[in-house]
Amino acid sequence: MPKELKDNSRIVKALKEGDQSAFEFVYKAYCCPLRAYAFKILQDKESACEVVQDIFMAVWLNRKTLDENKSLRCYLLRAVHNNSLRLLQLEEARRMREDKAMWELNQVDGESSEIMHRVRRLMHSIERLPERSRKVLRMSYWEEKKNAVIAEELSISIRTVETILYKAKKKLRGEIDKISFF
């Protein structure tokens, strides 16, 4: 058996047994190359970091299901590839929904063009929020998910969800005051 496969098998076995030093070794060995690969696909540093962080979280949480006979490196690369493409698809779907909403707003009479301008500015303000804040806002307000569900899906605490929402709304309130809808 080639040395690489023996090492892979030993590392995966240690991971399955919950060995944190094995996890740290894998993280240190693969984190930077995986981020670079995700960045190559996503062209966004923050999103690339988030994808890789999610992959490592999933590896640790699902470590018992890892296959000692398969390359961990290939598994990680495939996971980053798939999650990056999934994120791009979600972003494209979100953009399409926003474009549709903007198109529908454009169909409204000319007297509401001021409101459309304000809505565009608000959407732009939302876009400028950090990715995680946008994600939590979207899940809370557009998808109408409860904080506990959001926390579970993102593997963060409910308090963190509340803090992210509070800070995002505070930032947007300042923008809304500048826009002054009514």
C-alpha atoms as a PDB file:
ATOM      1  CA  MET A   1       0.000   0.000   0.000  1.00  0.00           C
ATOM      2  CA  PRO A   2       1.454   3.429  -0.928  1.00  0.00           C
ATOM      3  CA  LYS A   3       2.604   5.598   2.007  1.00  0.00           C
ATOM      4  CA  GLU A   4       0.106   8.359   1.148  1.00  0.00           C
ATOM      5  CA  LEU A   5      -2.793   5.918   1.473  1.00  0.00           C
ATOM      6  CA  LYS A   6      -1.423   4.534   4.752  1.00  0.00           C
ATOM      7  CA  ASP A   7      -1.127   8.077   6.138  1.00  0.00           C
ATOM      8  CA  ASN A   8      -4.600   8.935   4.854  1.00  0.00           C
ATOM      9  CA  SER A   9      -6.044   5.819   6.437  1.00  0.00           C
ATOM     10  CA  ARG A  10      -4.308   6.555   9.747  1.00  0.00           C
ATOM     11  CA  ILE A  11      -5.478  10.194   9.770  1.00  0.00           C
ATOM     12  CA  VAL A  12      -9.078   9.308   8.875  1.00  0.00           C
ATOM     13  CA  LYS A  13      -9.094   6.611  11.552  1.00  0.00           C
ATOM     14  CA  ALA A  14      -7.852   9.157  14.121  1.00  0.00           C
ATOM     15  CA  LEU A  15     -10.529  11.631  13.001  1.00  0.00           C
ATOM     16  CA  LYS A  16     -13.236   8.993  13.335  1.00  0.00           C
ATOM     17  CA  GLU A  17     -12.042   8.347  16.882  1.00  0.00           C
ATOM     18  CA  GLY A  18     -12.403  12.063  17.693  1.00  0.00           C
ATOM     19  CA  ASP A  19      -8.681  12.883  17.809  1.00  0.00           C
ATOM     20  CA  GLN A  20      -8.556  16.687  17.864  1.00  0.00           C
ATOM     21  CA  SER A  21      -4.847  16.803  17.049  1.00  0.00           C
ATOM     22  CA  ALA A  22      -5.569  14.856  13.844  1.00  0.00           C
ATOM     23  CA  PHE A  23      -8.273  17.381  13.010  1.00  0.00           C
ATOM     24  CA  GLU A  24      -5.865  20.263  13.665  1.00  0.00           C
ATOM     25  CA  PHE A  25      -3.283  18.572  11.441  1.00  0.00           C
ATOM     26  CA  VAL A  26      -5.825  18.204   8.614  1.00  0.00           C
ATOM     27  CA  TYR A  27      -7.003  21.786   9.106  1.00  0.00           C
ATOM     28  CA  LYS A  28      -3.471  23.197   8.981  1.00  0.00           C
ATOM     29  CA  ALA A  29      -2.550  21.048   5.987  1.00  0.00           C
ATOM     30  CA  TYR A  30      -5.614  21.781   3.863  1.00  0.00           C
ATOM     31  CA  CYS A  31      -7.169  25.061   4.998  1.00  0.00           C
ATOM     32  CA  CYS A  32      -5.112  27.435   2.822  1.00  0.00           C
ATOM     33  CA  PRO A  33      -5.214  25.335  -0.374  1.00  0.00           C
ATOM     34  CA  LEU A  34      -8.964  24.793   0.047  1.00  0.00           C
ATOM     35  CA  ARG A  35      -9.552  28.523   0.570  1.00  0.00           C
ATOM     36  CA  ALA A  36      -7.535  29.277  -2.562  1.00  0.00           C
ATOM     37  CA  TYR A  37      -9.574  26.736  -4.519  1.00  0.00           C
ATOM     38  CA  ALA A  38     -12.876  28.135  -3.209  1.00  0.00           C
ATOM     39  CA  PHE A  39     -11.707  31.678  -4.011  1.00  0.00           C
ATOM     40  CA  LYS A  40     -10.857  30.591  -7.560  1.00  0.00           C
ATOM     41  CA  ILE A  41     -14.482  29.501  -7.985  1.00  0.00           C
ATOM     42  CA  LEU A  42     -16.259  32.216  -5.979  1.00  0.00           C
ATOM     43  CA  GLN A  43     -13.984  35.225  -6.533  1.00  0.00           C
ATOM     44  CA  ASP A  44     -14.869  36.383  -3.017  1.00  0.00           C
ATOM     45  CA  LYS A  45     -12.497  35.945  -0.072  1.00  0.00           C
ATOM     46  CA  GLU A  46     -15.158  36.046   2.661  1.00  0.00           C
ATOM     47  CA  SER A  47     -17.370  33.513   0.888  1.00  0.00           C
ATOM     48  CA  ALA A  48     -14.373  31.258   0.229  1.00  0.00           C
ATOM     49  CA  CYS A  49     -13.431  31.329   3.913  1.00  0.00           C
ATOM     50  CA  GLU A  50     -17.010  30.596   4.909  1.00  0.00           C
ATOM     51  CA  VAL A  51     -17.266  27.626   2.522  1.00  0.00           C
ATOM     52  CA  VAL A  52     -14.041  26.119   3.880  1.00  0.00           C
ATOM     53  CA  GLN A  53     -15.100  26.736   7.473  1.00  0.00           C
ATOM     54  CA  ASP A  54     -18.419  25.009   6.783  1.00  0.00           C
ATOM     55  CA  ILE A  55     -16.600  22.038   5.215  1.00  0.00           C
ATOM     56  CA  PHE A  56     -14.328  21.581   8.218  1.00  0.00           C
ATOM     57  CA  MET A  57     -17.306  21.912  10.569  1.00  0.00           C
ATOM     58  CA  ALA A  58     -19.125  19.216   8.577  1.00  0.00           C
ATOM     59  CA  VAL A  59     -16.042  16.965   8.567  1.00  0.00           C
ATOM     60  CA  TRP A  60     -15.797  17.164  12.345  1.00  0.00           C
ATOM     61  CA  LEU A  61     -19.517  16.723  12.956  1.00  0.00           C
ATOM     62  CA  ASN A  62     -19.747  13.796  10.505  1.00  0.00           C
ATOM     63  CA  ARG A  63     -16.298  12.314  11.145  1.00  0.00           C
ATOM     64  CA  LYS A  64     -17.709   8.873  11.969  1.00  0.00           C
ATOM     65  CA  THR A  65     -18.933   8.506   8.365  1.00  0.00           C
ATOM     66  CA  LEU A  66     -15.526   9.154   6.757  1.00  0.00           C
ATOM     67  CA  ASP A  67     -14.146   6.297   4.657  1.00  0.00           C
ATOM     68  CA  GLU A  68     -10.592   5.264   5.555  1.00  0.00           C
ATOM     69  CA  ASN A  69     -10.114   3.784   2.075  1.00  0.00           C
ATOM     70  CA  LYS A  70     -10.842   7.037   0.233  1.00  0.00           C
ATOM     71  CA  SER A  71      -8.591  10.044  -0.099  1.00  0.00           C
ATOM     72  CA  LEU A  72      -9.421  12.736   2.453  1.00  0.00           C
ATOM     73  CA  ARG A  73      -7.781  15.325   0.179  1.00  0.00           C
ATOM     74  CA  CYS A  74     -10.083  14.395  -2.726  1.00  0.00           C
ATOM     75  CA  TYR A  75     -13.091  14.399  -0.403  1.00  0.00           C
ATOM     76  CA  LEU A  76     -12.264  17.902   0.861  1.00  0.00           C
ATOM     77  CA  LEU A  77     -11.635  19.260  -2.649  1.00  0.00           C
ATOM     78  CA  ARG A  78     -14.905  17.787  -3.940  1.00  0.00           C
ATOM     79  CA  ALA A  79     -16.810  19.180  -0.946  1.00  0.00           C
ATOM     80  CA  VAL A  80     -15.348  22.664  -1.473  1.00  0.00           C
ATOM     81  CA  HIS A  81     -16.108  22.443  -5.191  1.00  0.00           C
ATOM     82  CA  ASN A  82     -19.728  21.368  -4.633  1.00  0.00           C
ATOM     83  CA  ASN A  83     -20.413  23.856  -1.825  1.00  0.00           C
ATOM     84  CA  SER A  84     -18.872  26.702  -3.829  1.00  0.00           C
ATOM     85  CA  LEU A  85     -21.039  25.897  -6.843  1.00  0.00           C
ATOM     86  CA  ARG A  86     -24.100  25.591  -4.596  1.00  0.00           C
ATOM     87  CA  LEU A  87     -23.338  29.016  -3.118  1.00  0.00           C
ATOM     88  CA  LEU A  88     -23.005  30.497  -6.619  1.00  0.00           C
ATOM     89  CA  GLN A  89     -26.360  28.983  -7.571  1.00  0.00           C
ATOM     90  CA  LEU A  90     -28.007  30.412  -4.458  1.00  0.00           C
ATOM     91  CA  GLU A  91     -26.497  33.836  -5.154  1.00  0.00           C
ATOM     92  CA  GLU A  92     -27.711  33.693  -8.760  1.00  0.00           C
ATOM     93  CA  ALA A  93     -31.221  32.713  -7.632  1.00  0.00           C
ATOM     94  CA  ARG A  94     -31.209  35.563  -5.103  1.00  0.00           C
ATOM     95  CA  ARG A  95     -30.072  38.026  -7.773  1.00  0.00           C
ATOM     96  CA  MET A  96     -32.789  36.792 -10.116  1.00  0.00           C
ATOM     97  CA  ARG A  97     -35.437  37.289  -7.405  1.00  0.00           C
ATOM     98  CA  GLU A  98     -34.115  40.777  -6.733  1.00  0.00           C
ATOM     99  CA  ASP A  99     -34.036  41.570 -10.453  1.00  0.00           C
ATOM    100  CA  LYS A 100     -37.607  40.334 -10.784  1.00  0.00           C
ATOM    101  CA  ALA A 101     -38.653  42.450  -7.812  1.00  0.00           C
ATOM    102  CA  MET A 102     -36.916  45.466  -9.332  1.00  0.00           C
ATOM    103  CA  TRP A 103     -38.545  44.802 -12.707  1.00  0.00           C
ATOM    104  CA  GLU A 104     -41.950  44.604 -11.027  1.00  0.00           C
ATOM    105  CA  LEU A 105     -41.219  47.846  -9.217  1.00  0.00           C
ATOM    106  CA  ASN A 106     -40.305  49.450 -12.535  1.00  0.00           C
ATOM    107  CA  GLN A 107     -43.756  48.578 -13.833  1.00  0.00           C
ATOM    108  CA  VAL A 108     -45.344  50.854 -11.245  1.00  0.00           C
ATOM    109  CA  ASP A 109     -46.453  54.352 -12.321  1.00  0.00           C
ATOM    110  CA  GLY A 110     -43.893  57.119 -12.644  1.00  0.00           C
ATOM    111  CA  GLU A 111     -45.020  58.818  -9.438  1.00  0.00           C
ATOM    112  CA  SER A 112     -43.645  55.924  -7.438  1.00  0.00           C
ATOM    113  CA  SER A 113     -40.176  56.244  -8.973  1.00  0.00           C
ATOM    114  CA  GLU A 114     -38.996  57.958  -5.792  1.00  0.00           C
ATOM    115  CA  ILE A 115     -40.050  54.919  -3.762  1.00  0.00           C
ATOM    116  CA  MET A 116     -38.260  52.668  -6.270  1.00  0.00           C
ATOM    117  CA  HIS A 117     -35.123  54.753  -5.844  1.00  0.00           C
ATOM    118  CA  ARG A 118     -35.343  54.365  -2.070  1.00  0.00           C
ATOM    119  CA  VAL A 119     -35.937  50.627  -2.337  1.00  0.00           C
ATOM    120  CA  ARG A 120     -32.869  50.317  -4.588  1.00  0.00           C
ATOM    121  CA  ARG A 121     -30.804  52.203  -2.031  1.00  0.00           C
ATOM    122  CA  LEU A 122     -32.086  49.931   0.723  1.00  0.00           C
ATOM    123  CA  MET A 123     -31.277  46.819  -1.358  1.00  0.00           C
ATOM    124  CA  HIS A 124     -27.825  48.261  -2.003  1.00  0.00           C
ATOM    125  CA  SER A 125     -27.388  48.833   1.743  1.00  0.00           C
ATOM    126  CA  ILE A 126     -28.337  45.215   2.395  1.00  0.00           C
ATOM    127  CA  GLU A 127     -25.813  44.082  -0.238  1.00  0.00           C
ATOM    128  CA  ARG A 128     -23.060  45.986   1.591  1.00  0.00           C
ATOM    129  CA  LEU A 129     -23.686  44.036   4.799  1.00  0.00           C
ATOM    130  CA  PRO A 130     -21.280  41.176   5.534  1.00  0.00           C
ATOM    131  CA  GLU A 131     -22.249  37.846   3.947  1.00  0.00           C
ATOM    132  CA  ARG A 132     -23.213  36.283   7.275  1.00  0.00           C
ATOM    133  CA  SER A 133     -25.466  39.253   8.175  1.00  0.00           C
ATOM    134  CA  ARG A 134     -27.180  39.061   4.779  1.00  0.00           C
ATOM    135  CA  LYS A 135     -27.664  35.319   5.196  1.00  0.00           C
ATOM    136  CA  VAL A 136     -29.190  35.675   8.683  1.00  0.00           C
ATOM    137  CA  LEU A 137     -31.434  38.575   7.540  1.00  0.00           C
ATOM    138  CA  ARG A 138     -32.598  36.568   4.519  1.00  0.00           C
ATOM    139  CA  MET A 139     -33.352  33.510   6.623  1.00  0.00           C
ATOM    140  CA  SER A 140     -35.167  35.571   9.251  1.00  0.00           C
ATOM    141  CA  TYR A 141     -37.220  37.931   7.086  1.00  0.00           C
ATOM    142  CA  TRP A 142     -37.530  36.421   3.617  1.00  0.00           C
ATOM    143  CA  GLU A 143     -37.641  32.773   4.614  1.00  0.00           C
ATOM    144  CA  GLU A 144     -39.397  33.608   7.922  1.00  0.00           C
ATOM    145  CA  LYS A 145     -37.315  31.155   9.929  1.00  0.00           C
ATOM    146  CA  LYS A 146     -37.143  31.352  13.705  1.00  0.00           C
ATOM    147  CA  ASN A 147     -33.846  32.273  15.358  1.00  0.00           C
ATOM    148  CA  ALA A 148     -33.465  28.767  16.779  1.00  0.00           C
ATOM    149  CA  VAL A 149     -33.784  27.231  13.300  1.00  0.00           C
ATOM    150  CA  ILE A 150     -31.287  29.720  11.861  1.00  0.00           C
ATOM    151  CA  ALA A 151     -28.861  28.978  14.691  1.00  0.00           C
ATOM    152  CA  GLU A 152     -29.139  25.248  14.099  1.00  0.00           C
ATOM    153  CA  GLU A 153     -28.699  25.511  10.312  1.00  0.00           C
ATOM    154  CA  LEU A 154     -25.669  27.798  10.618  1.00  0.00           C
ATOM    155  CA  SER A 155     -24.202  25.943  13.613  1.00  0.00           C
ATOM    156  CA  ILE A 156     -24.115  29.080  15.753  1.00  0.00           C
ATOM    157  CA  SER A 157     -25.835  30.016  19.000  1.00  0.00           C
ATOM    158  CA  ILE A 158     -29.249  31.665  19.144  1.00  0.00           C
ATOM    159  CA  ARG A 159     -27.596  34.601  20.902  1.00  0.00           C
ATOM    160  CA  THR A 160     -25.216  35.003  17.944  1.00  0.00           C
ATOM    161  CA  VAL A 161     -28.199  35.046  15.562  1.00  0.00           C
ATOM    162  CA  GLU A 162     -29.861  37.726  17.716  1.00  0.00           C
ATOM    163  CA  THR A 163     -26.666  39.790  17.814  1.00  0.00           C
ATOM    164  CA  ILE A 164     -26.171  39.546  14.047  1.00  0.00           C
ATOM    165  CA  LEU A 165     -29.795  40.599  13.446  1.00  0.00           C
ATOM    166  CA  TYR A 166     -29.508  43.460  15.940  1.00  0.00           C
ATOM    167  CA  LYS A 167     -26.323  44.822  14.365  1.00  0.00           C
ATOM    168  CA  ALA A 168     -27.639  44.426  10.810  1.00  0.00           C
ATOM    169  CA  LYS A 169     -30.928  46.169  11.653  1.00  0.00           C
ATOM    170  CA  LYS A 170     -29.072  48.940  13.471  1.00  0.00           C
ATOM    171  CA  LYS A 171     -26.881  49.513  10.432  1.00  0.00           C
ATOM    172  CA  LEU A 172     -29.885  49.424   8.089  1.00  0.00           C
ATOM    173  CA  ARG A 173     -31.868  51.799  10.333  1.00  0.00           C
ATOM    174  CA  GLY A 174     -29.168  54.391   9.800  1.00  0.00           C
ATOM    175  CA  GLU A 175     -29.442  53.868   6.049  1.00  0.00           C
ATOM    176  CA  ILE A 176     -33.250  54.016   6.171  1.00  0.00           C
ATOM    177  CA  ASP A 177     -33.070  57.292   8.093  1.00  0.00           C
ATOM    178  CA  LYS A 178     -30.882  58.661   5.288  1.00  0.00           C
ATOM    179  CA  ILE A 179     -33.294  57.340   2.668  1.00  0.00           C
ATOM    180  CA  SER A 180     -36.353  58.588   4.589  1.00  0.00           C
ATOM    181  CA  PHE A 181     -39.188  56.591   3.043  1.00  0.00           C
ATOM    182  CA  PHE A 182     -42.071  58.723   4.289  1.00  0.00           C
END
